[in-house]
Amino acid sequence: MPFKPGKSGNPKGKAAGTPTRVNKSVRAAFEEAFNILQDDKDAALGPWARANPEAFYKLAAKLIPSKIEMEGALNLRVVTGVPPTEDADELA
C-alpha cells in the first residue's frame, strides 16, 4: 500500500541523535585512519596534539557524548592521563 503524498511510514521521523548511514561510515573511516596514524610514530596524534592543543581540545570535545541516559547503579572512573594537582583534593 503506497503512502499518500506528504505522508510517511514514520510520522514522528527519525529519533534525535540517531546516526545516519553517512555519519556511521564517516566515523568508521576516521577511526580507521586514526588507528593507522597511531601506528606511525611520526604521524601519531600525540605530537600533533602537543603542537596544536587548542585544535586538539576542540576535536576531543566533539567526541565526548553530550547526553547519556541510563538506569541503575553506576560506578564511574574517569582516566584523563593528566597528573593530579595539589588543588585536586579541594575539588573532590
PDB file of N, CA and C in Angstrom:
ATOM      1  N   MET A   1       0.840  -1.179   0.000  1.00  0.00           N
ATOM      2  CA  MET A   1       0.000   0.000   0.000  1.00  0.00           C
ATOM      3  C   MET A   1       0.887   1.245   0.000  1.00  0.00           C
ATOM      4  N   PRO A   2       0.849   2.047  -1.045  1.00  0.00           N
ATOM      5  CA  PRO A   2       1.687   3.248  -1.102  1.00  0.00           C
ATOM      6  C   PRO A   2       1.190   4.315  -0.129  1.00  0.00           C
ATOM      7  N   PHE A   3       2.120   5.150   0.297  1.00  0.00           N
ATOM      8  CA  PHE A   3       1.767   6.243   1.197  1.00  0.00           C
ATOM      9  C   PHE A   3       1.114   7.363   0.411  1.00  0.00           C
ATOM     10  N   LYS A   4       0.259   8.107   1.094  1.00  0.00           N
ATOM     11  CA  LYS A   4      -0.361   9.262   0.467  1.00  0.00           C
ATOM     12  C   LYS A   4       0.689  10.364   0.336  1.00  0.00           C
ATOM     13  N   PRO A   5       0.559  11.228  -0.658  1.00  0.00           N
ATOM     14  CA  PRO A   5       1.521  12.318  -0.811  1.00  0.00           C
ATOM     15  C   PRO A   5       1.609  13.140   0.473  1.00  0.00           C
ATOM     16  N   GLY A   6       2.844  13.434   0.896  1.00  0.00           N
ATOM     17  CA  GLY A   6       3.053  14.235   2.105  1.00  0.00           C
ATOM     18  C   GLY A   6       3.030  13.426   3.389  1.00  0.00           C
ATOM     19  N   LYS A   7       2.798  12.138   3.308  1.00  0.00           N
ATOM     20  CA  LYS A   7       2.747  11.276   4.497  1.00  0.00           C
ATOM     21  C   LYS A   7       3.855  10.240   4.400  1.00  0.00           C
ATOM     22  N   SER A   8       4.426   9.895   5.555  1.00  0.00           N
ATOM     23  CA  SER A   8       5.463   8.869   5.543  1.00  0.00           C
ATOM     24  C   SER A   8       5.021   7.710   6.421  1.00  0.00           C
ATOM     25  N   GLY A   9       5.791   6.645   6.383  1.00  0.00           N
ATOM     26  CA  GLY A   9       5.506   5.486   7.215  1.00  0.00           C
ATOM     27  C   GLY A   9       5.885   5.716   8.664  1.00  0.00           C
ATOM     28  N   ASN A  10       6.629   6.788   8.949  1.00  0.00           N
ATOM     29  CA  ASN A  10       7.041   7.099  10.304  1.00  0.00           C
ATOM     30  C   ASN A  10       6.756   8.577  10.566  1.00  0.00           C
ATOM     31  N   PRO A  11       5.528   8.903  11.002  1.00  0.00           N
ATOM     32  CA  PRO A  11       5.145  10.308  11.165  1.00  0.00           C
ATOM     33  C   PRO A  11       5.994  11.062  12.183  1.00  0.00           C
ATOM     34  N   LYS A  12       6.562  10.372  13.163  1.00  0.00           N
ATOM     35  CA  LYS A  12       7.392  11.059  14.159  1.00  0.00           C
ATOM     36  C   LYS A  12       8.804  11.302  13.637  1.00  0.00           C
ATOM     37  N   GLY A  13       9.189  10.638  12.574  1.00  0.00           N
ATOM     38  CA  GLY A  13      10.508  10.820  11.994  1.00  0.00           C
ATOM     39  C   GLY A  13      11.589  10.081  12.761  1.00  0.00           C
ATOM     40  N   LYS A  14      12.812  10.338  12.390  1.00  0.00           N
ATOM     41  CA  LYS A  14      13.976   9.704  12.993  1.00  0.00           C
ATOM     42  C   LYS A  14      14.182  10.280  14.392  1.00  0.00           C
ATOM     43  N   ALA A  15      14.510   9.432  15.348  1.00  0.00           N
ATOM     44  CA  ALA A  15      14.769   9.891  16.714  1.00  0.00           C
ATOM     45  C   ALA A  15      16.002  10.784  16.732  1.00  0.00           C
ATOM     46  N   ALA A  16      15.959  11.826  17.556  1.00  0.00           N
ATOM     47  CA  ALA A  16      17.091  12.742  17.672  1.00  0.00           C
ATOM     48  C   ALA A  16      18.337  11.986  18.106  1.00  0.00           C
ATOM     49  N   GLY A  17      19.449  12.292  17.477  1.00  0.00           N
ATOM     50  CA  GLY A  17      20.709  11.666  17.839  1.00  0.00           C
ATOM     51  C   GLY A  17      20.986  10.347  17.141  1.00  0.00           C
ATOM     52  N   THR A  18      20.032   9.859  16.377  1.00  0.00           N
ATOM     53  CA  THR A  18      20.241   8.608  15.650  1.00  0.00           C
ATOM     54  C   THR A  18      21.188   8.868  14.481  1.00  0.00           C
ATOM     55  N   PRO A  19      22.344   8.174  14.448  1.00  0.00           N
ATOM     56  CA  PRO A  19      23.284   8.434  13.361  1.00  0.00           C
ATOM     57  C   PRO A  19      22.759   7.931  12.021  1.00  0.00           C
ATOM     58  N   THR A  20      23.071   8.663  10.980  1.00  0.00           N
ATOM     59  CA  THR A  20      22.699   8.241   9.636  1.00  0.00           C
ATOM     60  C   THR A  20      23.766   7.295   9.106  1.00  0.00           C
ATOM     61  N   ARG A  21      23.497   6.677   7.983  1.00  0.00           N
ATOM     62  CA  ARG A  21      24.496   5.793   7.369  1.00  0.00           C
ATOM     63  C   ARG A  21      25.764   6.570   7.023  1.00  0.00           C
ATOM     64  N   VAL A  22      25.592   7.803   6.576  1.00  0.00           N
ATOM     65  CA  VAL A  22      26.757   8.623   6.235  1.00  0.00           C
ATOM     66  C   VAL A  22      27.568   8.905   7.495  1.00  0.00           C
ATOM     67  N   ASN A  23      26.904   9.308   8.596  1.00  0.00           N
ATOM     68  CA  ASN A  23      27.620   9.565   9.849  1.00  0.00           C
ATOM     69  C   ASN A  23      28.390   8.334  10.294  1.00  0.00           C
ATOM     70  N   LYS A  24      27.747   7.173  10.223  1.00  0.00           N
ATOM     71  CA  LYS A  24      28.403   5.931  10.644  1.00  0.00           C
ATOM     72  C   LYS A  24      29.615   5.640   9.775  1.00  0.00           C
ATOM     73  N   SER A  25      29.494   5.814   8.470  1.00  0.00           N
ATOM     74  CA  SER A  25      30.612   5.490   7.579  1.00  0.00           C
ATOM     75  C   SER A  25      31.752   6.497   7.743  1.00  0.00           C
ATOM     76  N   VAL A  26      31.439   7.767   7.956  1.00  0.00           N
ATOM     77  CA  VAL A  26      32.485   8.770   8.161  1.00  0.00           C
ATOM     78  C   VAL A  26      33.218   8.500   9.470  1.00  0.00           C
ATOM     79  N   ARG A  27      32.472   8.190  10.532  1.00  0.00           N
ATOM     80  CA  ARG A  27      33.113   7.862  11.815  1.00  0.00           C
ATOM     81  C   ARG A  27      34.012   6.639  11.665  1.00  0.00           C
ATOM     82  N   ALA A  28      33.541   5.631  10.948  1.00  0.00           N
ATOM     83  CA  ALA A  28      34.342   4.419  10.751  1.00  0.00           C
ATOM     84  C   ALA A  28      35.618   4.747   9.973  1.00  0.00           C
ATOM     85  N   ALA A  29      35.518   5.596   8.952  1.00  0.00           N
ATOM     86  CA  ALA A  29      36.693   5.970   8.163  1.00  0.00           C
ATOM     87  C   ALA A  29      37.696   6.746   9.024  1.00  0.00           C
ATOM     88  N   PHE A  30      37.197   7.674   9.855  1.00  0.00           N
ATOM     89  CA  PHE A  30      38.087   8.428  10.730  1.00  0.00           C
ATOM     90  C   PHE A  30      38.731   7.513  11.759  1.00  0.00           C
ATOM     91  N   GLU A  31      37.970   6.570  12.291  1.00  0.00           N
ATOM     92  CA  GLU A  31      38.527   5.639  13.271  1.00  0.00           C
ATOM     93  C   GLU A  31      39.633   4.796  12.636  1.00  0.00           C
ATOM     94  N   GLU A  32      39.406   4.335  11.416  1.00  0.00           N
ATOM     95  CA  GLU A  32      40.420   3.543  10.722  1.00  0.00           C
ATOM     96  C   GLU A  32      41.680   4.382  10.473  1.00  0.00           C
ATOM     97  N   ALA A  33      41.493   5.621  10.000  1.00  0.00           N
ATOM     98  CA  ALA A  33      42.641   6.499   9.754  1.00  0.00           C
ATOM     99  C   ALA A  33      43.382   6.803  11.050  1.00  0.00           C
ATOM    100  N   PHE A  34      42.648   7.046  12.116  1.00  0.00           N
ATOM    101  CA  PHE A  34      43.253   7.314  13.428  1.00  0.00           C
ATOM    102  C   PHE A  34      44.122   6.139  13.861  1.00  0.00           C
ATOM    103  N   ASN A  35      43.585   4.926  13.741  1.00  0.00           N
ATOM    104  CA  ASN A  35      44.335   3.738  14.154  1.00  0.00           C
ATOM    105  C   ASN A  35      45.590   3.535  13.301  1.00  0.00           C
ATOM    106  N   ILE A  36      45.499   3.810  12.014  1.00  0.00           N
ATOM    107  CA  ILE A  36      46.660   3.693  11.140  1.00  0.00           C
ATOM    108  C   ILE A  36      47.723   4.723  11.545  1.00  0.00           C
ATOM    109  N   LEU A  37      47.294   5.965  11.775  1.00  0.00           N
ATOM    110  CA  LEU A  37      48.234   7.016  12.150  1.00  0.00           C
ATOM    111  C   LEU A  37      48.886   6.752  13.502  1.00  0.00           C
ATOM    112  N   GLN A  38      48.158   6.148  14.414  1.00  0.00           N
ATOM    113  CA  GLN A  38      48.727   5.872  15.730  1.00  0.00           C
ATOM    114  C   GLN A  38      49.863   4.862  15.651  1.00  0.00           C
ATOM    115  N   ASP A  39      49.848   4.005  14.641  1.00  0.00           N
ATOM    116  CA  ASP A  39      50.928   3.032  14.476  1.00  0.00           C
ATOM    117  C   ASP A  39      52.172   3.657  13.843  1.00  0.00           C
ATOM    118  N   ASP A  40      52.031   4.841  13.266  1.00  0.00           N
ATOM    119  CA  ASP A  40      53.146   5.556  12.641  1.00  0.00           C
ATOM    120  C   ASP A  40      53.646   6.597  13.629  1.00  0.00           C
ATOM    121  N   LYS A  41      54.823   6.368  14.239  1.00  0.00           N
ATOM    122  CA  LYS A  41      55.280   7.252  15.315  1.00  0.00           C
ATOM    123  C   LYS A  41      55.487   8.690  14.839  1.00  0.00           C
ATOM    124  N   ASP A  42      55.760   8.905  13.564  1.00  0.00           N
ATOM    125  CA  ASP A  42      55.942  10.262  13.056  1.00  0.00           C
ATOM    126  C   ASP A  42      54.609  10.974  12.801  1.00  0.00           C
ATOM    127  N   ALA A  43      53.522  10.212  12.675  1.00  0.00           N
ATOM    128  CA  ALA A  43      52.221  10.804  12.381  1.00  0.00           C
ATOM    129  C   ALA A  43      51.241  10.635  13.538  1.00  0.00           C
ATOM    130  N   ALA A  44      51.714  10.194  14.685  1.00  0.00           N
ATOM    131  CA  ALA A  44      50.827   9.910  15.810  1.00  0.00           C
ATOM    132  C   ALA A  44      50.127  11.178  16.300  1.00  0.00           C
ATOM    133  N   LEU A  45      49.013  10.989  16.924  1.00  0.00           N
ATOM    134  CA  LEU A  45      48.194  12.099  17.406  1.00  0.00           C
ATOM    135  C   LEU A  45      48.886  12.883  18.514  1.00  0.00           C
ATOM    136  N   GLY A  46      49.644  12.204  19.360  1.00  0.00           N
ATOM    137  CA  GLY A  46      50.284  12.872  20.496  1.00  0.00           C
ATOM    138  C   GLY A  46      51.124  14.074  20.115  1.00  0.00           C
ATOM    139  N   PRO A  47      52.096  13.915  19.200  1.00  0.00           N
ATOM    140  CA  PRO A  47      52.910  15.071  18.821  1.00  0.00           C
ATOM    141  C   PRO A  47      52.077  16.214  18.218  1.00  0.00           C
ATOM    142  N   TRP A  48      51.085  15.874  17.404  1.00  0.00           N
ATOM    143  CA  TRP A  48      50.230  16.912  16.828  1.00  0.00           C
ATOM    144  C   TRP A  48      49.444  17.621  17.924  1.00  0.00           C
ATOM    145  N   ALA A  49      48.910  16.845  18.887  1.00  0.00           N
ATOM    146  CA  ALA A  49      48.123  17.433  19.969  1.00  0.00           C
ATOM    147  C   ALA A  49      48.980  18.385  20.797  1.00  0.00           C
ATOM    148  N   ARG A  50      50.229  18.002  21.068  1.00  0.00           N
ATOM    149  CA  ARG A  50      51.114  18.889  21.830  1.00  0.00           C
ATOM    150  C   ARG A  50      51.415  20.169  21.048  1.00  0.00           C
ATOM    151  N   ALA A  51      51.560  20.065  19.753  1.00  0.00           N
ATOM    152  CA  ALA A  51      51.856  21.235  18.926  1.00  0.00           C
ATOM    153  C   ALA A  51      50.615  22.097  18.667  1.00  0.00           C
ATOM    154  N   ASN A  52      49.427  21.502  18.748  1.00  0.00           N
ATOM    155  CA  ASN A  52      48.168  22.206  18.439  1.00  0.00           C
ATOM    156  C   ASN A  52      47.129  21.938  19.526  1.00  0.00           C
ATOM    157  N   PRO A  53      47.390  22.315  20.779  1.00  0.00           N
ATOM    158  CA  PRO A  53      46.469  21.943  21.856  1.00  0.00           C
ATOM    159  C   PRO A  53      45.055  22.509  21.686  1.00  0.00           C
ATOM    160  N   GLU A  54      44.935  23.726  21.184  1.00  0.00           N
ATOM    161  CA  GLU A  54      43.603  24.316  21.030  1.00  0.00           C
ATOM    162  C   GLU A  54      42.765  23.514  20.033  1.00  0.00           C
ATOM    163  N   ALA A  55      43.342  23.197  18.893  1.00  0.00           N
ATOM    164  CA  ALA A  55      42.629  22.406  17.885  1.00  0.00           C
ATOM    165  C   ALA A  55      42.335  21.008  18.413  1.00  0.00           C
ATOM    166  N   PHE A  56      43.300  20.421  19.126  1.00  0.00           N
ATOM    167  CA  PHE A  56      43.088  19.083  19.680  1.00  0.00           C
ATOM    168  C   PHE A  56      41.903  19.066  20.641  1.00  0.00           C
ATOM    169  N   TYR A  57      41.841  20.027  21.557  1.00  0.00           N
ATOM    170  CA  TYR A  57      40.753  20.027  22.536  1.00  0.00           C
ATOM    171  C   TYR A  57      39.403  20.319  21.892  1.00  0.00           C
ATOM    172  N   LYS A  58      39.383  21.113  20.837  1.00  0.00           N
ATOM    173  CA  LYS A  58      38.125  21.343  20.118  1.00  0.00           C
ATOM    174  C   LYS A  58      37.619  20.033  19.517  1.00  0.00           C
ATOM    175  N   LEU A  59      38.521  19.263  18.903  1.00  0.00           N
ATOM    176  CA  LEU A  59      38.127  17.975  18.329  1.00  0.00           C
ATOM    177  C   LEU A  59      37.749  16.978  19.416  1.00  0.00           C
ATOM    178  N   ALA A  60      38.533  16.924  20.470  1.00  0.00           N
ATOM    179  CA  ALA A  60      38.261  15.983  21.557  1.00  0.00           C
ATOM    180  C   ALA A  60      36.907  16.267  22.190  1.00  0.00           C
ATOM    181  N   ALA A  61      36.558  17.542  22.360  1.00  0.00           N
ATOM    182  CA  ALA A  61      35.280  17.900  22.971  1.00  0.00           C
ATOM    183  C   ALA A  61      34.100  17.420  22.132  1.00  0.00           C
ATOM    184  N   LYS A  62      34.264  17.380  20.827  1.00  0.00           N
ATOM    185  CA  LYS A  62      33.184  16.917  19.954  1.00  0.00           C
ATOM    186  C   LYS A  62      32.955  15.412  20.074  1.00  0.00           C
ATOM    187  N   LEU A  63      33.958  14.682  20.557  1.00  0.00           N
ATOM    188  CA  LEU A  63      33.834  13.237  20.680  1.00  0.00           C
ATOM    189  C   LEU A  63      33.219  12.805  22.003  1.00  0.00           C
ATOM    190  N   ILE A  64      33.101  13.741  22.950  1.00  0.00           N
ATOM    191  CA  ILE A  64      32.513  13.421  24.245  1.00  0.00           C
ATOM    192  C   ILE A  64      30.999  13.433  24.092  1.00  0.00           C
ATOM    193  N   PRO A  65      30.318  12.372  24.508  1.00  0.00           N
ATOM    194  CA  PRO A  65      28.858  12.367  24.389  1.00  0.00           C
ATOM    195  C   PRO A  65      28.248  13.539  25.146  1.00  0.00           C
ATOM    196  N   SER A  66      27.270  14.193  24.532  1.00  0.00           N
ATOM    197  CA  SER A  66      26.629  15.330  25.188  1.00  0.00           C
ATOM    198  C   SER A  66      25.469  14.892  26.068  1.00  0.00           C
ATOM    199  N   LYS A  67      25.015  13.661  25.894  1.00  0.00           N
ATOM    200  CA  LYS A  67      23.893  13.183  26.687  1.00  0.00           C
ATOM    201  C   LYS A  67      24.036  11.679  26.863  1.00  0.00           C
ATOM    202  N   ILE A  68      23.923  11.242  28.095  1.00  0.00           N
ATOM    203  CA  ILE A  68      23.969   9.816  28.385  1.00  0.00           C
ATOM    204  C   ILE A  68      22.775   9.495  29.270  1.00  0.00           C
ATOM    205  N   GLU A  69      21.972   8.542  28.852  1.00  0.00           N
ATOM    206  CA  GLU A  69      20.830   8.121  29.645  1.00  0.00           C
ATOM    207  C   GLU A  69      21.053   6.699  30.106  1.00  0.00           C
ATOM    208  N   MET A  70      20.729   6.434  31.362  1.00  0.00           N
ATOM    209  CA  MET A  70      20.873   5.085  31.878  1.00  0.00           C
ATOM    210  C   MET A  70      19.995   4.914  33.105  1.00  0.00           C
ATOM    211  N   GLU A  71      19.792   3.685  33.450  1.00  0.00           N
ATOM    212  CA  GLU A  71      19.058   3.345  34.661  1.00  0.00           C
ATOM    213  C   GLU A  71      19.918   2.398  35.474  1.00  0.00           C
ATOM    214  N   GLY A  72      19.790   2.459  36.793  1.00  0.00           N
ATOM    215  CA  GLY A  72      20.519   1.537  37.647  1.00  0.00           C
ATOM    216  C   GLY A  72      21.760   2.162  38.240  1.00  0.00           C
ATOM    217  N   ALA A  73      22.511   1.353  38.966  1.00  0.00           N
ATOM    218  CA  ALA A  73      23.716   1.818  39.642  1.00  0.00           C
ATOM    219  C   ALA A  73      24.849   2.020  38.643  1.00  0.00           C
ATOM    220  N   LEU A  74      25.742   2.913  39.002  1.00  0.00           N
ATOM    221  CA  LEU A  74      26.861   3.221  38.125  1.00  0.00           C
ATOM    222  C   LEU A  74      28.111   3.453  38.955  1.00  0.00           C
ATOM    223  N   ASN A  75      29.169   2.754  38.629  1.00  0.00           N
ATOM    224  CA  ASN A  75      30.487   3.033  39.179  1.00  0.00           C
ATOM    225  C   ASN A  75      31.294   3.591  38.031  1.00  0.00           C
ATOM    226  N   LEU A  76      31.740   4.827  38.162  1.00  0.00           N
ATOM    227  CA  LEU A  76      32.407   5.519  37.076  1.00  0.00           C
ATOM    228  C   LEU A  76      33.811   5.919  37.491  1.00  0.00           C
ATOM    229  N   ARG A  77      34.757   5.643  36.628  1.00  0.00           N
ATOM    230  CA  ARG A  77      36.140   6.057  36.850  1.00  0.00           C
ATOM    231  C   ARG A  77      36.599   6.758  35.586  1.00  0.00           C
ATOM    232  N   VAL A  78      37.011   7.996  35.717  1.00  0.00           N
ATOM    233  CA  VAL A  78      37.480   8.774  34.574  1.00  0.00           C
ATOM    234  C   VAL A  78      38.995   8.823  34.619  1.00  0.00           C
ATOM    235  N   VAL A  79      39.618   8.404  33.538  1.00  0.00           N
ATOM    236  CA  VAL A  79      41.074   8.419  33.436  1.00  0.00           C
ATOM    237  C   VAL A  79      41.434   9.394  32.326  1.00  0.00           C
ATOM    238  N   THR A  80      42.085  10.476  32.703  1.00  0.00           N
ATOM    239  CA  THR A  80      42.418  11.502  31.710  1.00  0.00           C
ATOM    240  C   THR A  80      43.861  11.472  31.285  1.00  0.00           C
ATOM    241  N   GLY A  81      44.715  10.851  32.080  1.00  0.00           N
ATOM    242  CA  GLY A  81      46.134  10.880  31.772  1.00  0.00           C
ATOM    243  C   GLY A  81      46.807  12.150  32.253  1.00  0.00           C
ATOM    244  N   VAL A  82      46.017  13.067  32.835  1.00  0.00           N
ATOM    245  CA  VAL A  82      46.562  14.312  33.368  1.00  0.00           C
ATOM    246  C   VAL A  82      46.911  14.069  34.827  1.00  0.00           C
ATOM    247  N   PRO A  83      48.155  14.336  35.224  1.00  0.00           N
ATOM    248  CA  PRO A  83      48.518  14.086  36.619  1.00  0.00           C
ATOM    249  C   PRO A  83      47.727  14.985  37.561  1.00  0.00           C
ATOM    250  N   PRO A  84      47.365  14.467  38.745  1.00  0.00           N
ATOM    251  CA  PRO A  84      46.606  15.296  39.692  1.00  0.00           C
ATOM    252  C   PRO A  84      47.459  16.454  40.201  1.00  0.00           C
ATOM    253  N   THR A  85      46.778  17.523  40.573  1.00  0.00           N
ATOM    254  CA  THR A  85      47.463  18.694  41.123  1.00  0.00           C
ATOM    255  C   THR A  85      47.173  18.777  42.604  1.00  0.00           C
ATOM    256  N   GLU A  86      47.824  19.709  43.276  1.00  0.00           N
ATOM    257  CA  GLU A  86      47.581  19.900  44.708  1.00  0.00           C
ATOM    258  C   GLU A  86      46.148  20.324  44.959  1.00  0.00           C
ATOM    259  N   ASP A  87      45.520  21.018  43.996  1.00  0.00           N
ATOM    260  CA  ASP A  87      44.146  21.501  44.147  1.00  0.00           C
ATOM    261  C   ASP A  87      43.113  20.382  43.974  1.00  0.00           C
ATOM    262  N   ALA A  88      43.527  19.195  43.574  1.00  0.00           N
ATOM    263  CA  ALA A  88      42.591  18.116  43.276  1.00  0.00           C
ATOM    264  C   ALA A  88      41.770  17.741  44.498  1.00  0.00           C
ATOM    265  N   ASP A  89      42.369  17.777  45.707  1.00  0.00           N
ATOM    266  CA  ASP A  89      41.625  17.441  46.910  1.00  0.00           C
ATOM    267  C   ASP A  89      40.512  18.425  47.196  1.00  0.00           C
ATOM    268  N   GLU A  90      40.716  19.688  46.836  1.00  0.00           N
ATOM    269  CA  GLU A  90      39.696  20.707  47.059  1.00  0.00           C
ATOM    270  C   GLU A  90      38.484  20.484  46.171  1.00  0.00           C
ATOM    271  N   LEU A  91      38.689  19.912  45.002  1.00  0.00           N
ATOM    272  CA  LEU A  91      37.588  19.683  44.063  1.00  0.00           C
ATOM    273  C   LEU A  91      36.766  18.452  44.425  1.00  0.00           C
ATOM    274  N   ALA A  92      37.337  17.546  45.174  1.00  0.00           N
ATOM    275  CA  ALA A  92      36.641  16.299  45.484  1.00  0.00           C
ATOM    276  C   ALA A  92      35.518  16.513  46.472  1.00  0.00           C
TER     277      ALA A  92
END
